[in-house]
Protein backbone atom coordinates (compact mmCIF):
# COMPACT_ATOMS: atom_id res chain seq x y z
CA ASN A 1 55.25 2.50 -19.10
CA ASP A 2 58.45 1.05 -20.44
CA ALA A 3 56.63 -2.50 -21.04
CA VAL A 4 53.96 -0.61 -22.86
CA GLN A 5 56.20 1.36 -25.20
CA ILE A 6 58.40 -1.93 -25.51
CA VAL A 7 55.17 -3.65 -26.78
CA ASN A 8 54.20 -1.13 -29.07
CA TRP A 9 57.56 -0.86 -30.70
CA LEU A 10 57.57 -4.72 -31.52
CA GLU A 11 54.06 -4.48 -32.82
CA GLU A 12 55.08 -1.83 -35.11
CA LEU A 13 57.84 -4.19 -36.30
CA LYS A 14 55.06 -6.82 -36.92
CA TYR A 15 55.86 -9.20 -34.01
CA GLU A 16 53.03 -10.79 -32.39
CA VAL A 17 53.30 -9.89 -28.74
CA GLN A 18 51.31 -10.43 -25.44
CA SER A 19 51.80 -8.83 -22.20
CA LEU A 20 50.13 -9.07 -18.76
CA GLN A 21 48.41 -5.84 -19.50
CA MET A 22 46.62 -7.22 -22.78
CA MET A 23 45.67 -10.37 -20.64
CA LEU A 24 44.11 -8.09 -18.05
CA ASP A 25 42.19 -6.01 -20.78
CA LEU A 26 40.93 -9.26 -22.03
CA ALA A 27 39.82 -10.41 -18.75
CA ASN A 28 38.22 -7.04 -17.85
CA ARG A 29 36.48 -7.36 -21.10
CA GLY A 30 35.11 -10.60 -20.19
CA MET A 31 33.87 -9.49 -16.80
CA ILE A 32 32.10 -6.60 -18.29
CA ILE A 33 30.22 -9.24 -20.51
CA VAL A 34 29.53 -11.13 -17.45
CA GLN A 35 28.19 -8.31 -15.43
CA THR A 36 26.02 -7.33 -18.26
CA MET A 37 24.44 -10.68 -18.32
CA LEU A 38 23.92 -10.64 -14.83
CA GLY A 39 22.39 -7.40 -14.74
CA SER A 40 20.17 -8.47 -17.76
CA VAL A 41 19.04 -11.47 -15.65
CA GLY A 42 18.39 -9.43 -12.42
CA ALA A 43 16.36 -6.87 -14.25
CA LEU A 44 14.22 -9.69 -15.84
CA ALA A 45 13.86 -10.89 -12.39
CA LEU A 46 12.82 -7.76 -10.97
CA LEU A 47 10.18 -7.17 -13.88
CA VAL A 48 8.85 -10.63 -13.04
CA ALA A 49 8.77 -9.88 -9.36
CA SER A 50 6.95 -6.57 -10.20
CA ILE A 51 4.39 -8.29 -12.30
CA GLY A 52 3.78 -10.85 -9.57
CA ILE A 53 3.12 -8.17 -6.84
CA ALA A 54 0.99 -6.25 -9.01
CA ASN A 55 -1.07 -9.37 -9.88
CA THR A 56 -1.16 -10.28 -6.16
CA MET A 57 -2.48 -6.99 -5.29
CA ILE A 58 -4.92 -7.10 -8.10
CA MET A 59 -6.28 -10.31 -6.80
CA ALA A 60 -6.39 -8.80 -3.44
CA VAL A 61 -8.68 -5.71 -4.67
CA TYR A 62 -10.92 -8.38 -6.34
CA GLU A 63 -11.12 -10.65 -3.26
CA ARG A 64 -11.70 -7.74 -0.81
CA THR A 65 -14.25 -5.57 -3.17
CA ARG A 66 -16.95 -5.75 -0.52
CA GLU A 67 -14.59 -4.86 2.20
CA ILE A 68 -13.49 -1.95 0.13
CA GLY A 69 -17.23 -1.01 -0.12
CA ILE A 70 -17.69 -1.39 3.42
CA LEU A 71 -14.70 0.83 4.45
CA LYS A 72 -16.14 3.57 1.68
CA ALA A 73 -19.61 3.34 3.33
CA VAL A 74 -18.38 3.82 6.99
CA GLY A 75 -16.15 7.06 5.60
CA ALA A 76 -12.97 6.06 4.49
CA ALA A 77 -11.42 8.62 2.01
CA PRO A 78 -10.11 7.21 -1.40
CA GLY A 79 -6.69 8.29 -0.32
CA GLN A 80 -6.84 6.12 3.03
CA ILE A 81 -7.91 3.06 0.76
CA ARG A 82 -5.16 3.82 -1.47
CA ALA A 83 -2.77 3.99 1.40
CA LEU A 84 -3.85 0.57 2.84
CA PHE A 85 -3.01 -1.28 -0.38
CA VAL A 86 0.13 0.53 -1.25
CA VAL A 87 1.49 -0.24 2.30
CA GLU A 88 0.19 -3.83 1.76
CA ALA A 89 2.16 -3.91 -1.64
CA SER A 90 5.26 -2.26 0.13
CA LEU A 91 5.24 -4.93 2.81
CA ILE A 92 5.15 -7.52 0.24
CA GLY A 93 8.21 -6.29 -1.51
CA LEU A 94 9.94 -5.93 1.79
CA LEU A 95 9.30 -9.33 2.87
CA GLY A 96 10.44 -10.67 -0.46
CA GLY A 97 13.63 -8.64 -0.07
CA VAL A 98 14.18 -10.17 3.45
CA ILE A 99 13.69 -13.51 2.18
CA GLY A 100 15.85 -12.73 -0.90
CA THR A 101 18.74 -11.32 1.15
CA ILE A 102 18.78 -14.20 3.67
CA LEU A 103 18.73 -16.80 0.74
CA GLY A 104 21.53 -14.77 -1.28
CA TRP A 105 23.72 -14.41 1.95
CA LEU A 106 23.27 -18.31 2.68
CA LEU A 107 24.14 -18.91 -1.01
CA GLY A 108 27.31 -16.72 -0.80
CA LYS A 109 28.58 -18.46 2.44
CA GLY A 110 27.85 -22.07 0.74
CA LEU A 111 29.71 -20.87 -2.48
CA ASN A 112 32.68 -19.49 -0.52
CA LEU A 113 33.03 -22.81 1.21
CA LEU A 114 32.69 -24.69 -2.01
CA ILE A 115 35.44 -22.38 -3.60
CA LEU A 116 37.76 -22.92 -0.75
CA GLU A 117 37.39 -26.67 -0.95
CA ILE A 118 37.82 -26.57 -4.44
CA LEU A 119 41.12 -24.54 -3.96
CA ARG A 120 42.17 -27.02 -1.34
CA TRP A 121 41.50 -29.92 -3.39
CA GLN A 122 43.72 -28.30 -6.39
CA GLU A 123 46.29 -27.79 -3.65
CA VAL A 124 46.20 -24.04 -3.57
CA THR A 125 46.18 -22.44 -0.15
CA VAL A 126 43.83 -19.40 -0.15
CA GLN A 127 42.26 -17.70 2.85
CA GLY A 128 39.58 -15.26 2.81
CA THR A 129 36.00 -14.63 1.56
CA PHE A 130 35.03 -14.18 -2.08
CA PHE A 131 31.48 -13.36 -1.63
CA VAL A 132 31.04 -10.35 1.03
CA VAL A 133 27.47 -9.05 1.83
CA SER A 134 27.90 -5.72 3.37
CA TRP A 135 25.26 -3.92 5.78
CA TRP A 136 24.68 -1.02 3.13
CA LEU A 137 24.08 -3.51 0.50
CA VAL A 138 21.51 -5.32 2.71
CA LEU A 139 19.83 -2.07 3.59
CA GLY A 140 19.82 -0.98 -0.29
CA ALA A 141 18.22 -4.12 -1.34
CA LEU A 142 15.56 -3.95 1.30
CA ALA A 143 14.98 -0.42 0.33
CA PHE A 144 14.83 -1.34 -3.33
CA ALA A 145 12.46 -4.31 -2.50
CA THR A 146 10.19 -2.08 -0.80
CA LEU A 147 10.08 0.51 -3.26
CA VAL A 148 9.65 -2.17 -6.09
CA GLY A 149 6.73 -3.39 -4.22
CA LEU A 150 5.25 -0.02 -3.59
CA LEU A 151 5.47 0.98 -7.45
CA ALA A 152 3.82 -2.46 -8.35
CA GLY A 153 1.09 -1.68 -5.86
CA LEU A 154 0.06 1.82 -7.30
CA TYR A 155 -2.08 0.52 -9.95
CA PRO A 156 -4.08 -1.78 -7.87
CA ALA A 157 -4.45 0.47 -4.97
CA ALA A 158 -5.78 3.22 -7.41
CA ARG A 159 -8.30 0.99 -8.87
CA ALA A 160 -9.47 0.08 -5.28
CA ALA A 161 -9.77 3.85 -4.39
CA ARG A 162 -11.88 4.33 -7.41
CA LEU A 163 -14.40 1.71 -6.70
CA PRO A 164 -17.96 3.04 -6.25
CA PRO A 165 -19.26 2.19 -2.78
CA LEU A 166 -22.79 0.67 -3.93
CA ASP A 167 -21.16 -1.51 -6.51
CA ALA A 168 -18.50 -2.79 -4.01
CA LEU A 169 -21.24 -3.60 -1.46
CA ARG A 170 -23.18 -5.47 -3.99
CA TYR A 171 -20.26 -7.39 -5.40
CA GLU A 172 -20.19 -11.19 -4.48
């Protein structure tokens, strides 16, 4: 508190002053900018992944139109067909989440080793881990990836459920 008061007093006297708190504030602003940029890249990647899953599911509906017609002809309800495609899209999202989590964990391990080696090269002795992947983060990422797959599969699933059985059976 005394340091803050002294800095304020010196600034009032028109002296140019720098304190550790000012440097920390500047570093925090920089971190907020970096986090915002990384969040934007993540949101863009999420959008691209959603479009990719939706595209995959729309193509699956086109490729399996005859199968959908057969399912409807033998008595499958539109809700069952919708559920089939939504579950498939969710599994695609889950599989992508598993692969992404494994690759992210491996990247974190590699970056930890690289940072420790760079610090050792700079003759700075540091021990520890810079990138930590906790179990709740893994579970959250897998749940989120599954949810993204589910949401991306809703439109193709509804489209498949609306196909008329006769048109689907005639489709080549």
